[in-house]
Amino acid sequence: MSLIKRLEILELIEAQQNRTLKKIAEITDQTYHGIKSGRNYPNYETITKILNVIPRLNARWLILGEEPMFLPVFQDEDGSNAVYEPASSYMRRSPLYNYPILVEEVEEIRKSVEELRKSVESLSSEKEAAAPASGAEVG
């Protein structure tokens, strides 16, 4: 899909908020019609304005056509403000990104479980050894 087509899709979505590409990017009629007709491509300043007005828009989608169109939304810790993170930040949240760290954590948990298992076996053995002595008859 071409950049022009992506801009058309974006404009259709933004039309729900009564915003045209011309308003969003603060461009002249001539520039707007040049982009819409496919004669011209938006310059760096135009693309930057679009991304600043629509912070959730994924720049890689707009420029290269790479999905997703919009970035994931996260809330501040207090839940008050939406935070739009770049894809690189989002990927750091992905379990596969942290795979080596997760492997280390799983190994630590496995060792802890093994230590707990040995402690339980030891306590069970001590209890079994003490049980016949307490149950012996005094004679």
N, C-alpha and C. Protein backbone atom coordinates (compact mmCIF):
# COMPACT_ATOMS: atom_id res chain seq x y z
N MET A 1 0.85 -1.17 0.00
CA MET A 1 0.00 0.00 0.00
C MET A 1 0.89 1.24 0.00
N SER A 2 0.55 2.20 -0.81
CA SER A 2 1.38 3.40 -0.97
C SER A 2 1.18 4.36 0.21
N LEU A 3 2.13 5.26 0.34
CA LEU A 3 2.04 6.30 1.37
C LEU A 3 0.78 7.13 1.17
N ILE A 4 0.45 7.44 -0.07
CA ILE A 4 -0.74 8.24 -0.37
C ILE A 4 -1.99 7.50 0.11
N LYS A 5 -2.04 6.19 -0.14
CA LYS A 5 -3.20 5.38 0.29
C LYS A 5 -3.28 5.37 1.82
N ARG A 6 -2.12 5.25 2.51
CA ARG A 6 -2.13 5.26 3.97
C ARG A 6 -2.63 6.61 4.50
N LEU A 7 -2.24 7.70 3.82
CA LEU A 7 -2.72 9.02 4.23
C LEU A 7 -4.24 9.13 4.04
N GLU A 8 -4.75 8.53 2.96
CA GLU A 8 -6.19 8.54 2.73
C GLU A 8 -6.92 7.78 3.84
N ILE A 9 -6.38 6.63 4.22
CA ILE A 9 -6.98 5.84 5.31
C ILE A 9 -6.96 6.65 6.61
N LEU A 10 -5.82 7.26 6.88
CA LEU A 10 -5.69 8.08 8.08
C LEU A 10 -6.71 9.22 8.08
N GLU A 11 -6.87 9.84 6.93
CA GLU A 11 -7.81 10.96 6.83
C GLU A 11 -9.25 10.49 7.05
N LEU A 12 -9.58 9.30 6.56
CA LEU A 12 -10.93 8.76 6.79
C LEU A 12 -11.17 8.53 8.29
N ILE A 13 -10.18 8.01 8.96
CA ILE A 13 -10.31 7.77 10.41
C ILE A 13 -10.42 9.09 11.16
N GLU A 14 -9.59 10.05 10.81
CA GLU A 14 -9.59 11.33 11.49
C GLU A 14 -10.81 12.18 11.15
N ALA A 15 -11.48 11.87 10.05
CA ALA A 15 -12.69 12.62 9.67
C ALA A 15 -13.77 12.48 10.74
N GLN A 16 -13.73 11.38 11.50
CA GLN A 16 -14.70 11.19 12.59
C GLN A 16 -14.55 12.29 13.63
N GLN A 17 -13.36 12.88 13.73
CA GLN A 17 -13.11 13.98 14.67
C GLN A 17 -13.07 15.31 13.92
N ASN A 18 -13.59 15.30 12.71
CA ASN A 18 -13.65 16.50 11.87
C ASN A 18 -12.25 17.08 11.61
N ARG A 19 -11.29 16.19 11.38
CA ARG A 19 -9.93 16.64 11.08
C ARG A 19 -9.52 16.09 9.73
N THR A 20 -9.11 16.98 8.84
CA THR A 20 -8.59 16.57 7.54
C THR A 20 -7.07 16.58 7.62
N LEU A 21 -6.46 15.96 6.65
CA LEU A 21 -5.00 15.96 6.57
C LEU A 21 -4.48 17.39 6.51
N LYS A 22 -5.21 18.23 5.79
CA LYS A 22 -4.81 19.63 5.65
C LYS A 22 -4.76 20.32 7.02
N LYS A 23 -5.79 20.07 7.85
CA LYS A 23 -5.83 20.66 9.19
C LYS A 23 -4.76 20.06 10.10
N ILE A 24 -4.62 18.75 10.05
CA ILE A 24 -3.67 18.06 10.93
C ILE A 24 -2.25 18.53 10.67
N ALA A 25 -1.87 18.57 9.40
CA ALA A 25 -0.48 18.89 9.04
C ALA A 25 -0.25 20.38 8.83
N GLU A 26 -1.32 21.16 8.90
CA GLU A 26 -1.22 22.61 8.70
C GLU A 26 -0.52 22.93 7.38
N ILE A 27 -1.08 22.38 6.30
CA ILE A 27 -0.50 22.59 4.97
C ILE A 27 -1.44 23.43 4.11
N THR A 28 -0.89 23.99 3.06
CA THR A 28 -1.67 24.84 2.15
C THR A 28 -2.57 23.97 1.27
N ASP A 29 -3.54 24.62 0.65
CA ASP A 29 -4.43 23.92 -0.28
C ASP A 29 -3.63 23.26 -1.41
N GLN A 30 -2.67 24.00 -1.93
CA GLN A 30 -1.86 23.49 -3.04
C GLN A 30 -1.10 22.23 -2.62
N THR A 31 -0.48 22.27 -1.45
CA THR A 31 0.27 21.09 -0.96
C THR A 31 -0.69 19.93 -0.71
N TYR A 32 -1.82 20.23 -0.11
CA TYR A 32 -2.82 19.20 0.19
C TYR A 32 -3.28 18.50 -1.08
N HIS A 33 -3.66 19.29 -2.09
CA HIS A 33 -4.13 18.70 -3.35
C HIS A 33 -3.02 17.97 -4.09
N GLY A 34 -1.79 18.45 -3.98
CA GLY A 34 -0.65 17.76 -4.59
C GLY A 34 -0.44 16.38 -3.97
N ILE A 35 -0.58 16.29 -2.64
CA ILE A 35 -0.43 15.01 -1.95
C ILE A 35 -1.61 14.10 -2.28
N LYS A 36 -2.83 14.62 -2.21
CA LYS A 36 -4.02 13.81 -2.48
C LYS A 36 -4.02 13.25 -3.90
N SER A 37 -3.51 14.04 -4.86
CA SER A 37 -3.50 13.58 -6.25
C SER A 37 -2.35 12.61 -6.54
N GLY A 38 -1.38 12.55 -5.63
CA GLY A 38 -0.23 11.68 -5.83
C GLY A 38 0.91 12.36 -6.57
N ARG A 39 0.74 13.63 -6.93
CA ARG A 39 1.82 14.37 -7.61
C ARG A 39 3.01 14.60 -6.67
N ASN A 40 2.70 14.83 -5.39
CA ASN A 40 3.74 15.13 -4.41
C ASN A 40 3.62 14.18 -3.22
N TYR A 41 4.73 14.01 -2.55
CA TYR A 41 4.74 13.27 -1.31
C TYR A 41 4.93 14.26 -0.16
N PRO A 42 4.39 13.94 1.01
CA PRO A 42 4.58 14.85 2.13
C PRO A 42 6.06 14.90 2.53
N ASN A 43 6.51 16.08 2.93
CA ASN A 43 7.90 16.21 3.34
C ASN A 43 8.04 15.85 4.83
N TYR A 44 9.27 15.93 5.31
CA TYR A 44 9.57 15.57 6.70
C TYR A 44 8.73 16.40 7.67
N GLU A 45 8.61 17.68 7.44
CA GLU A 45 7.86 18.56 8.33
C GLU A 45 6.39 18.16 8.40
N THR A 46 5.82 17.82 7.27
CA THR A 46 4.42 17.42 7.22
C THR A 46 4.20 16.12 7.99
N ILE A 47 5.07 15.16 7.77
CA ILE A 47 4.96 13.88 8.48
C ILE A 47 5.14 14.09 9.98
N THR A 48 6.09 14.92 10.36
CA THR A 48 6.32 15.21 11.78
C THR A 48 5.09 15.85 12.42
N LYS A 49 4.46 16.77 11.72
CA LYS A 49 3.25 17.40 12.25
C LYS A 49 2.14 16.37 12.44
N ILE A 50 1.98 15.49 11.47
CA ILE A 50 0.96 14.45 11.57
C ILE A 50 1.22 13.59 12.81
N LEU A 51 2.46 13.17 12.98
CA LEU A 51 2.81 12.31 14.11
C LEU A 51 2.66 13.03 15.44
N ASN A 52 2.90 14.32 15.48
CA ASN A 52 2.73 15.08 16.72
C ASN A 52 1.26 15.28 17.08
N VAL A 53 0.42 15.44 16.06
CA VAL A 53 -1.01 15.63 16.31
C VAL A 53 -1.67 14.31 16.68
N ILE A 54 -1.19 13.22 16.12
CA ILE A 54 -1.75 11.88 16.39
C ILE A 54 -0.64 11.03 17.01
N PRO A 55 -0.35 11.20 18.31
CA PRO A 55 0.79 10.53 18.92
C PRO A 55 0.70 9.01 18.91
N ARG A 56 -0.49 8.47 18.83
CA ARG A 56 -0.64 7.01 18.82
C ARG A 56 -0.34 6.40 17.45
N LEU A 57 -0.25 7.24 16.43
CA LEU A 57 0.03 6.75 15.08
C LEU A 57 1.46 6.21 15.01
N ASN A 58 1.60 5.02 14.47
CA ASN A 58 2.90 4.38 14.33
C ASN A 58 3.63 4.98 13.12
N ALA A 59 4.76 5.63 13.35
CA ALA A 59 5.53 6.26 12.27
C ALA A 59 5.96 5.23 11.22
N ARG A 60 6.28 4.01 11.65
CA ARG A 60 6.70 2.98 10.70
C ARG A 60 5.54 2.58 9.78
N TRP A 61 4.32 2.62 10.30
CA TRP A 61 3.17 2.35 9.45
C TRP A 61 2.99 3.48 8.44
N LEU A 62 3.05 4.71 8.93
CA LEU A 62 2.82 5.85 8.05
C LEU A 62 3.86 5.90 6.93
N ILE A 63 5.12 5.73 7.27
CA ILE A 63 6.19 5.89 6.29
C ILE A 63 6.43 4.62 5.48
N LEU A 64 6.46 3.47 6.14
CA LEU A 64 6.85 2.22 5.47
C LEU A 64 5.70 1.24 5.24
N GLY A 65 4.59 1.47 5.90
CA GLY A 65 3.46 0.54 5.76
C GLY A 65 3.53 -0.66 6.67
N GLU A 66 4.42 -0.63 7.68
CA GLU A 66 4.55 -1.76 8.61
C GLU A 66 3.48 -1.67 9.69
N GLU A 67 2.80 -2.79 9.91
CA GLU A 67 1.76 -2.86 10.95
C GLU A 67 2.41 -2.84 12.32
N PRO A 68 1.69 -2.43 13.34
CA PRO A 68 0.32 -1.97 13.36
C PRO A 68 0.22 -0.49 13.02
N MET A 69 -0.98 -0.07 12.67
CA MET A 69 -1.20 1.34 12.34
C MET A 69 -1.04 2.22 13.58
N PHE A 70 -1.57 1.73 14.71
CA PHE A 70 -1.50 2.50 15.95
C PHE A 70 -0.66 1.76 16.98
N LEU A 71 0.02 2.53 17.81
CA LEU A 71 0.86 1.98 18.86
C LEU A 71 0.00 1.51 20.03
N PRO A 72 0.52 0.56 20.79
CA PRO A 72 -0.22 0.10 21.98
C PRO A 72 -0.36 1.25 22.99
N VAL A 73 -1.44 1.21 23.75
CA VAL A 73 -1.68 2.24 24.77
C VAL A 73 -1.47 1.62 26.14
N PHE A 74 -0.72 2.30 26.97
CA PHE A 74 -0.52 1.89 28.35
C PHE A 74 -0.96 3.04 29.24
N GLN A 75 -1.32 2.77 30.46
CA GLN A 75 -1.72 3.81 31.40
C GLN A 75 -0.56 4.10 32.34
N ASP A 76 -0.51 5.37 32.82
CA ASP A 76 0.43 5.69 33.89
C ASP A 76 0.12 4.78 35.06
N GLU A 77 1.05 4.68 36.01
CA GLU A 77 0.84 3.81 37.15
C GLU A 77 -0.44 4.16 37.91
N ASP A 78 -0.78 5.44 37.98
CA ASP A 78 -2.00 5.83 38.67
C ASP A 78 -3.23 5.73 37.77
N GLY A 79 -3.03 5.35 36.50
CA GLY A 79 -4.13 5.15 35.57
C GLY A 79 -4.72 6.42 34.99
N SER A 80 -4.06 7.54 35.20
CA SER A 80 -4.65 8.81 34.79
C SER A 80 -4.38 9.18 33.34
N ASN A 81 -3.20 8.93 32.83
CA ASN A 81 -2.83 9.39 31.49
C ASN A 81 -2.46 8.23 30.59
N ALA A 82 -2.92 8.33 29.35
CA ALA A 82 -2.52 7.33 28.35
C ALA A 82 -1.10 7.62 27.92
N VAL A 83 -0.31 6.56 27.78
CA VAL A 83 1.07 6.71 27.35
C VAL A 83 1.23 5.89 26.08
N TYR A 84 1.64 6.54 25.00
CA TYR A 84 1.85 5.85 23.74
C TYR A 84 3.33 5.57 23.62
N GLU A 85 3.68 4.31 23.55
CA GLU A 85 5.08 3.96 23.53
C GLU A 85 5.51 3.56 22.13
N PRO A 86 6.73 3.89 21.77
CA PRO A 86 7.22 3.43 20.48
C PRO A 86 7.32 1.91 20.45
N ALA A 87 7.32 1.37 19.27
CA ALA A 87 7.34 -0.08 19.12
C ALA A 87 8.53 -0.71 19.83
N SER A 88 9.67 -0.02 19.86
CA SER A 88 10.85 -0.60 20.52
C SER A 88 10.59 -0.78 22.01
N SER A 89 9.91 0.17 22.64
CA SER A 89 9.56 0.03 24.06
C SER A 89 8.55 -1.10 24.24
N TYR A 90 7.60 -1.16 23.33
CA TYR A 90 6.59 -2.21 23.42
C TYR A 90 7.24 -3.59 23.30
N MET A 91 8.20 -3.72 22.40
CA MET A 91 8.85 -5.02 22.21
C MET A 91 9.62 -5.44 23.46
N ARG A 92 10.16 -4.47 24.21
CA ARG A 92 10.87 -4.83 25.43
C ARG A 92 9.94 -5.48 26.44
N ARG A 93 8.64 -5.24 26.31
CA ARG A 93 7.67 -5.86 27.20
C ARG A 93 7.37 -7.30 26.76
N SER A 94 7.75 -7.63 25.56
CA SER A 94 7.46 -8.95 25.01
C SER A 94 8.29 -10.01 25.72
N PRO A 95 7.67 -11.13 26.07
CA PRO A 95 8.42 -12.21 26.73
C PRO A 95 9.60 -12.71 25.89
N LEU A 96 9.46 -12.72 24.57
CA LEU A 96 10.55 -13.21 23.73
C LEU A 96 11.75 -12.28 23.75
N TYR A 97 11.50 -10.99 23.91
CA TYR A 97 12.60 -10.03 23.98
C TYR A 97 13.45 -10.31 25.21
N ASN A 98 12.80 -10.70 26.31
CA ASN A 98 13.48 -10.94 27.58
C ASN A 98 13.79 -12.42 27.80
N TYR A 99 13.81 -13.19 26.76
CA TYR A 99 13.98 -14.64 26.88
C TYR A 99 15.19 -15.05 27.72
N PRO A 100 16.39 -14.48 27.50
CA PRO A 100 17.53 -14.89 28.32
C PRO A 100 17.32 -14.61 29.81
N ILE A 101 16.70 -13.50 30.12
CA ILE A 101 16.43 -13.17 31.53
C ILE A 101 15.42 -14.15 32.10
N LEU A 102 14.41 -14.49 31.31
CA LEU A 102 13.40 -15.44 31.78
C LEU A 102 14.00 -16.82 32.03
N VAL A 103 14.93 -17.24 31.20
CA VAL A 103 15.59 -18.53 31.38
C VAL A 103 16.33 -18.55 32.72
N GLU A 104 17.04 -17.45 33.02
CA GLU A 104 17.75 -17.36 34.31
C GLU A 104 16.76 -17.40 35.48
N GLU A 105 15.66 -16.67 35.36
CA GLU A 105 14.67 -16.65 36.44
C GLU A 105 14.05 -18.03 36.64
N VAL A 106 13.76 -18.73 35.56
CA VAL A 106 13.20 -20.08 35.66
C VAL A 106 14.19 -21.00 36.35
N GLU A 107 15.45 -20.88 36.03
CA GLU A 107 16.48 -21.71 36.65
C GLU A 107 16.57 -21.43 38.15
N GLU A 108 16.49 -20.16 38.54
CA GLU A 108 16.51 -19.81 39.97
C GLU A 108 15.28 -20.40 40.68
N ILE A 109 14.13 -20.32 40.04
CA ILE A 109 12.91 -20.88 40.63
C ILE A 109 13.04 -22.39 40.75
N ARG A 110 13.59 -23.03 39.72
CA ARG A 110 13.77 -24.49 39.77
C ARG A 110 14.67 -24.88 40.94
N LYS A 111 15.76 -24.13 41.15
CA LYS A 111 16.66 -24.41 42.28
C LYS A 111 15.94 -24.22 43.61
N SER A 112 15.14 -23.17 43.72
CA SER A 112 14.39 -22.92 44.95
C SER A 112 13.40 -24.05 45.23
N VAL A 113 12.73 -24.52 44.19
CA VAL A 113 11.78 -25.62 44.34
C VAL A 113 12.51 -26.88 44.78
N GLU A 114 13.67 -27.14 44.21
CA GLU A 114 14.46 -28.32 44.59
C GLU A 114 14.89 -28.24 46.06
N GLU A 115 15.32 -27.07 46.50
CA GLU A 115 15.70 -26.88 47.91
C GLU A 115 14.50 -27.10 48.83
N LEU A 116 13.35 -26.58 48.45
CA LEU A 116 12.13 -26.79 49.24
C LEU A 116 11.75 -28.26 49.30
N ARG A 117 11.89 -28.96 48.16
CA ARG A 117 11.57 -30.40 48.12
C ARG A 117 12.46 -31.16 49.09
N LYS A 118 13.76 -30.84 49.10
CA LYS A 118 14.70 -31.51 50.01
C LYS A 118 14.35 -31.20 51.47
N SER A 119 13.95 -29.95 51.75
CA SER A 119 13.57 -29.59 53.12
C SER A 119 12.34 -30.37 53.56
N VAL A 120 11.37 -30.50 52.68
CA VAL A 120 10.16 -31.25 53.01
C VAL A 120 10.49 -32.71 53.25
N GLU A 121 11.34 -33.30 52.41
CA GLU A 121 11.75 -34.71 52.59
C GLU A 121 12.47 -34.89 53.92
N SER A 122 13.34 -33.95 54.25
CA SER A 122 14.09 -34.02 55.50
C SER A 122 13.15 -33.94 56.70
N LEU A 123 12.20 -33.00 56.64
CA LEU A 123 11.24 -32.88 57.73
C LEU A 123 10.36 -34.12 57.85
N SER A 124 9.97 -34.69 56.72
CA SER A 124 9.17 -35.91 56.73
C SER A 124 9.94 -37.07 57.35
N SER A 125 11.22 -37.19 57.01
CA SER A 125 12.07 -38.25 57.56
C SER A 125 12.22 -38.09 59.06
N GLU A 126 12.43 -36.85 59.52
CA GLU A 126 12.57 -36.59 60.96
C GLU A 126 11.27 -36.92 61.69
N LYS A 127 10.14 -36.59 61.10
CA LYS A 127 8.85 -36.87 61.71
C LYS A 127 8.61 -38.37 61.81
N GLU A 128 8.96 -39.12 60.74
CA GLU A 128 8.78 -40.57 60.74
C GLU A 128 9.70 -41.21 61.79
N ALA A 129 10.92 -40.70 61.92
CA ALA A 129 11.87 -41.25 62.89
C ALA A 129 11.39 -40.96 64.31
N ALA A 130 10.77 -39.84 64.53
CA ALA A 130 10.32 -39.46 65.87
C ALA A 130 8.99 -40.16 66.22
N ALA A 131 8.21 -40.55 65.25
CA ALA A 131 6.89 -41.12 65.50
C ALA A 131 6.96 -42.43 66.27
N PRO A 132 7.81 -43.43 65.96
CA PRO A 132 7.83 -44.69 66.73
C PRO A 132 8.29 -44.46 68.16
N ALA A 133 9.19 -43.52 68.37
CA ALA A 133 9.70 -43.27 69.71
C ALA A 133 8.59 -42.71 70.60
N SER A 134 7.75 -41.86 70.08
CA SER A 134 6.70 -41.29 70.91
C SER A 134 5.57 -42.27 71.12
N GLY A 135 5.43 -43.25 70.24
CA GLY A 135 4.34 -44.21 70.34
C GLY A 135 4.76 -45.49 71.11
N ALA A 136 5.99 -45.57 71.58
CA ALA A 136 6.47 -46.78 72.28
C ALA A 136 5.85 -46.85 73.67
N GLU A 137 5.54 -48.09 74.09
CA GLU A 137 4.92 -48.28 75.41
C GLU A 137 5.99 -48.27 76.49
N VAL A 138 5.64 -47.69 77.60
CA VAL A 138 6.53 -47.67 78.75
C VAL A 138 6.19 -48.89 79.58
N GLY A 139 7.13 -49.71 79.96
CA GLY A 139 6.77 -50.93 80.57
C GLY A 139 7.40 -51.33 81.75
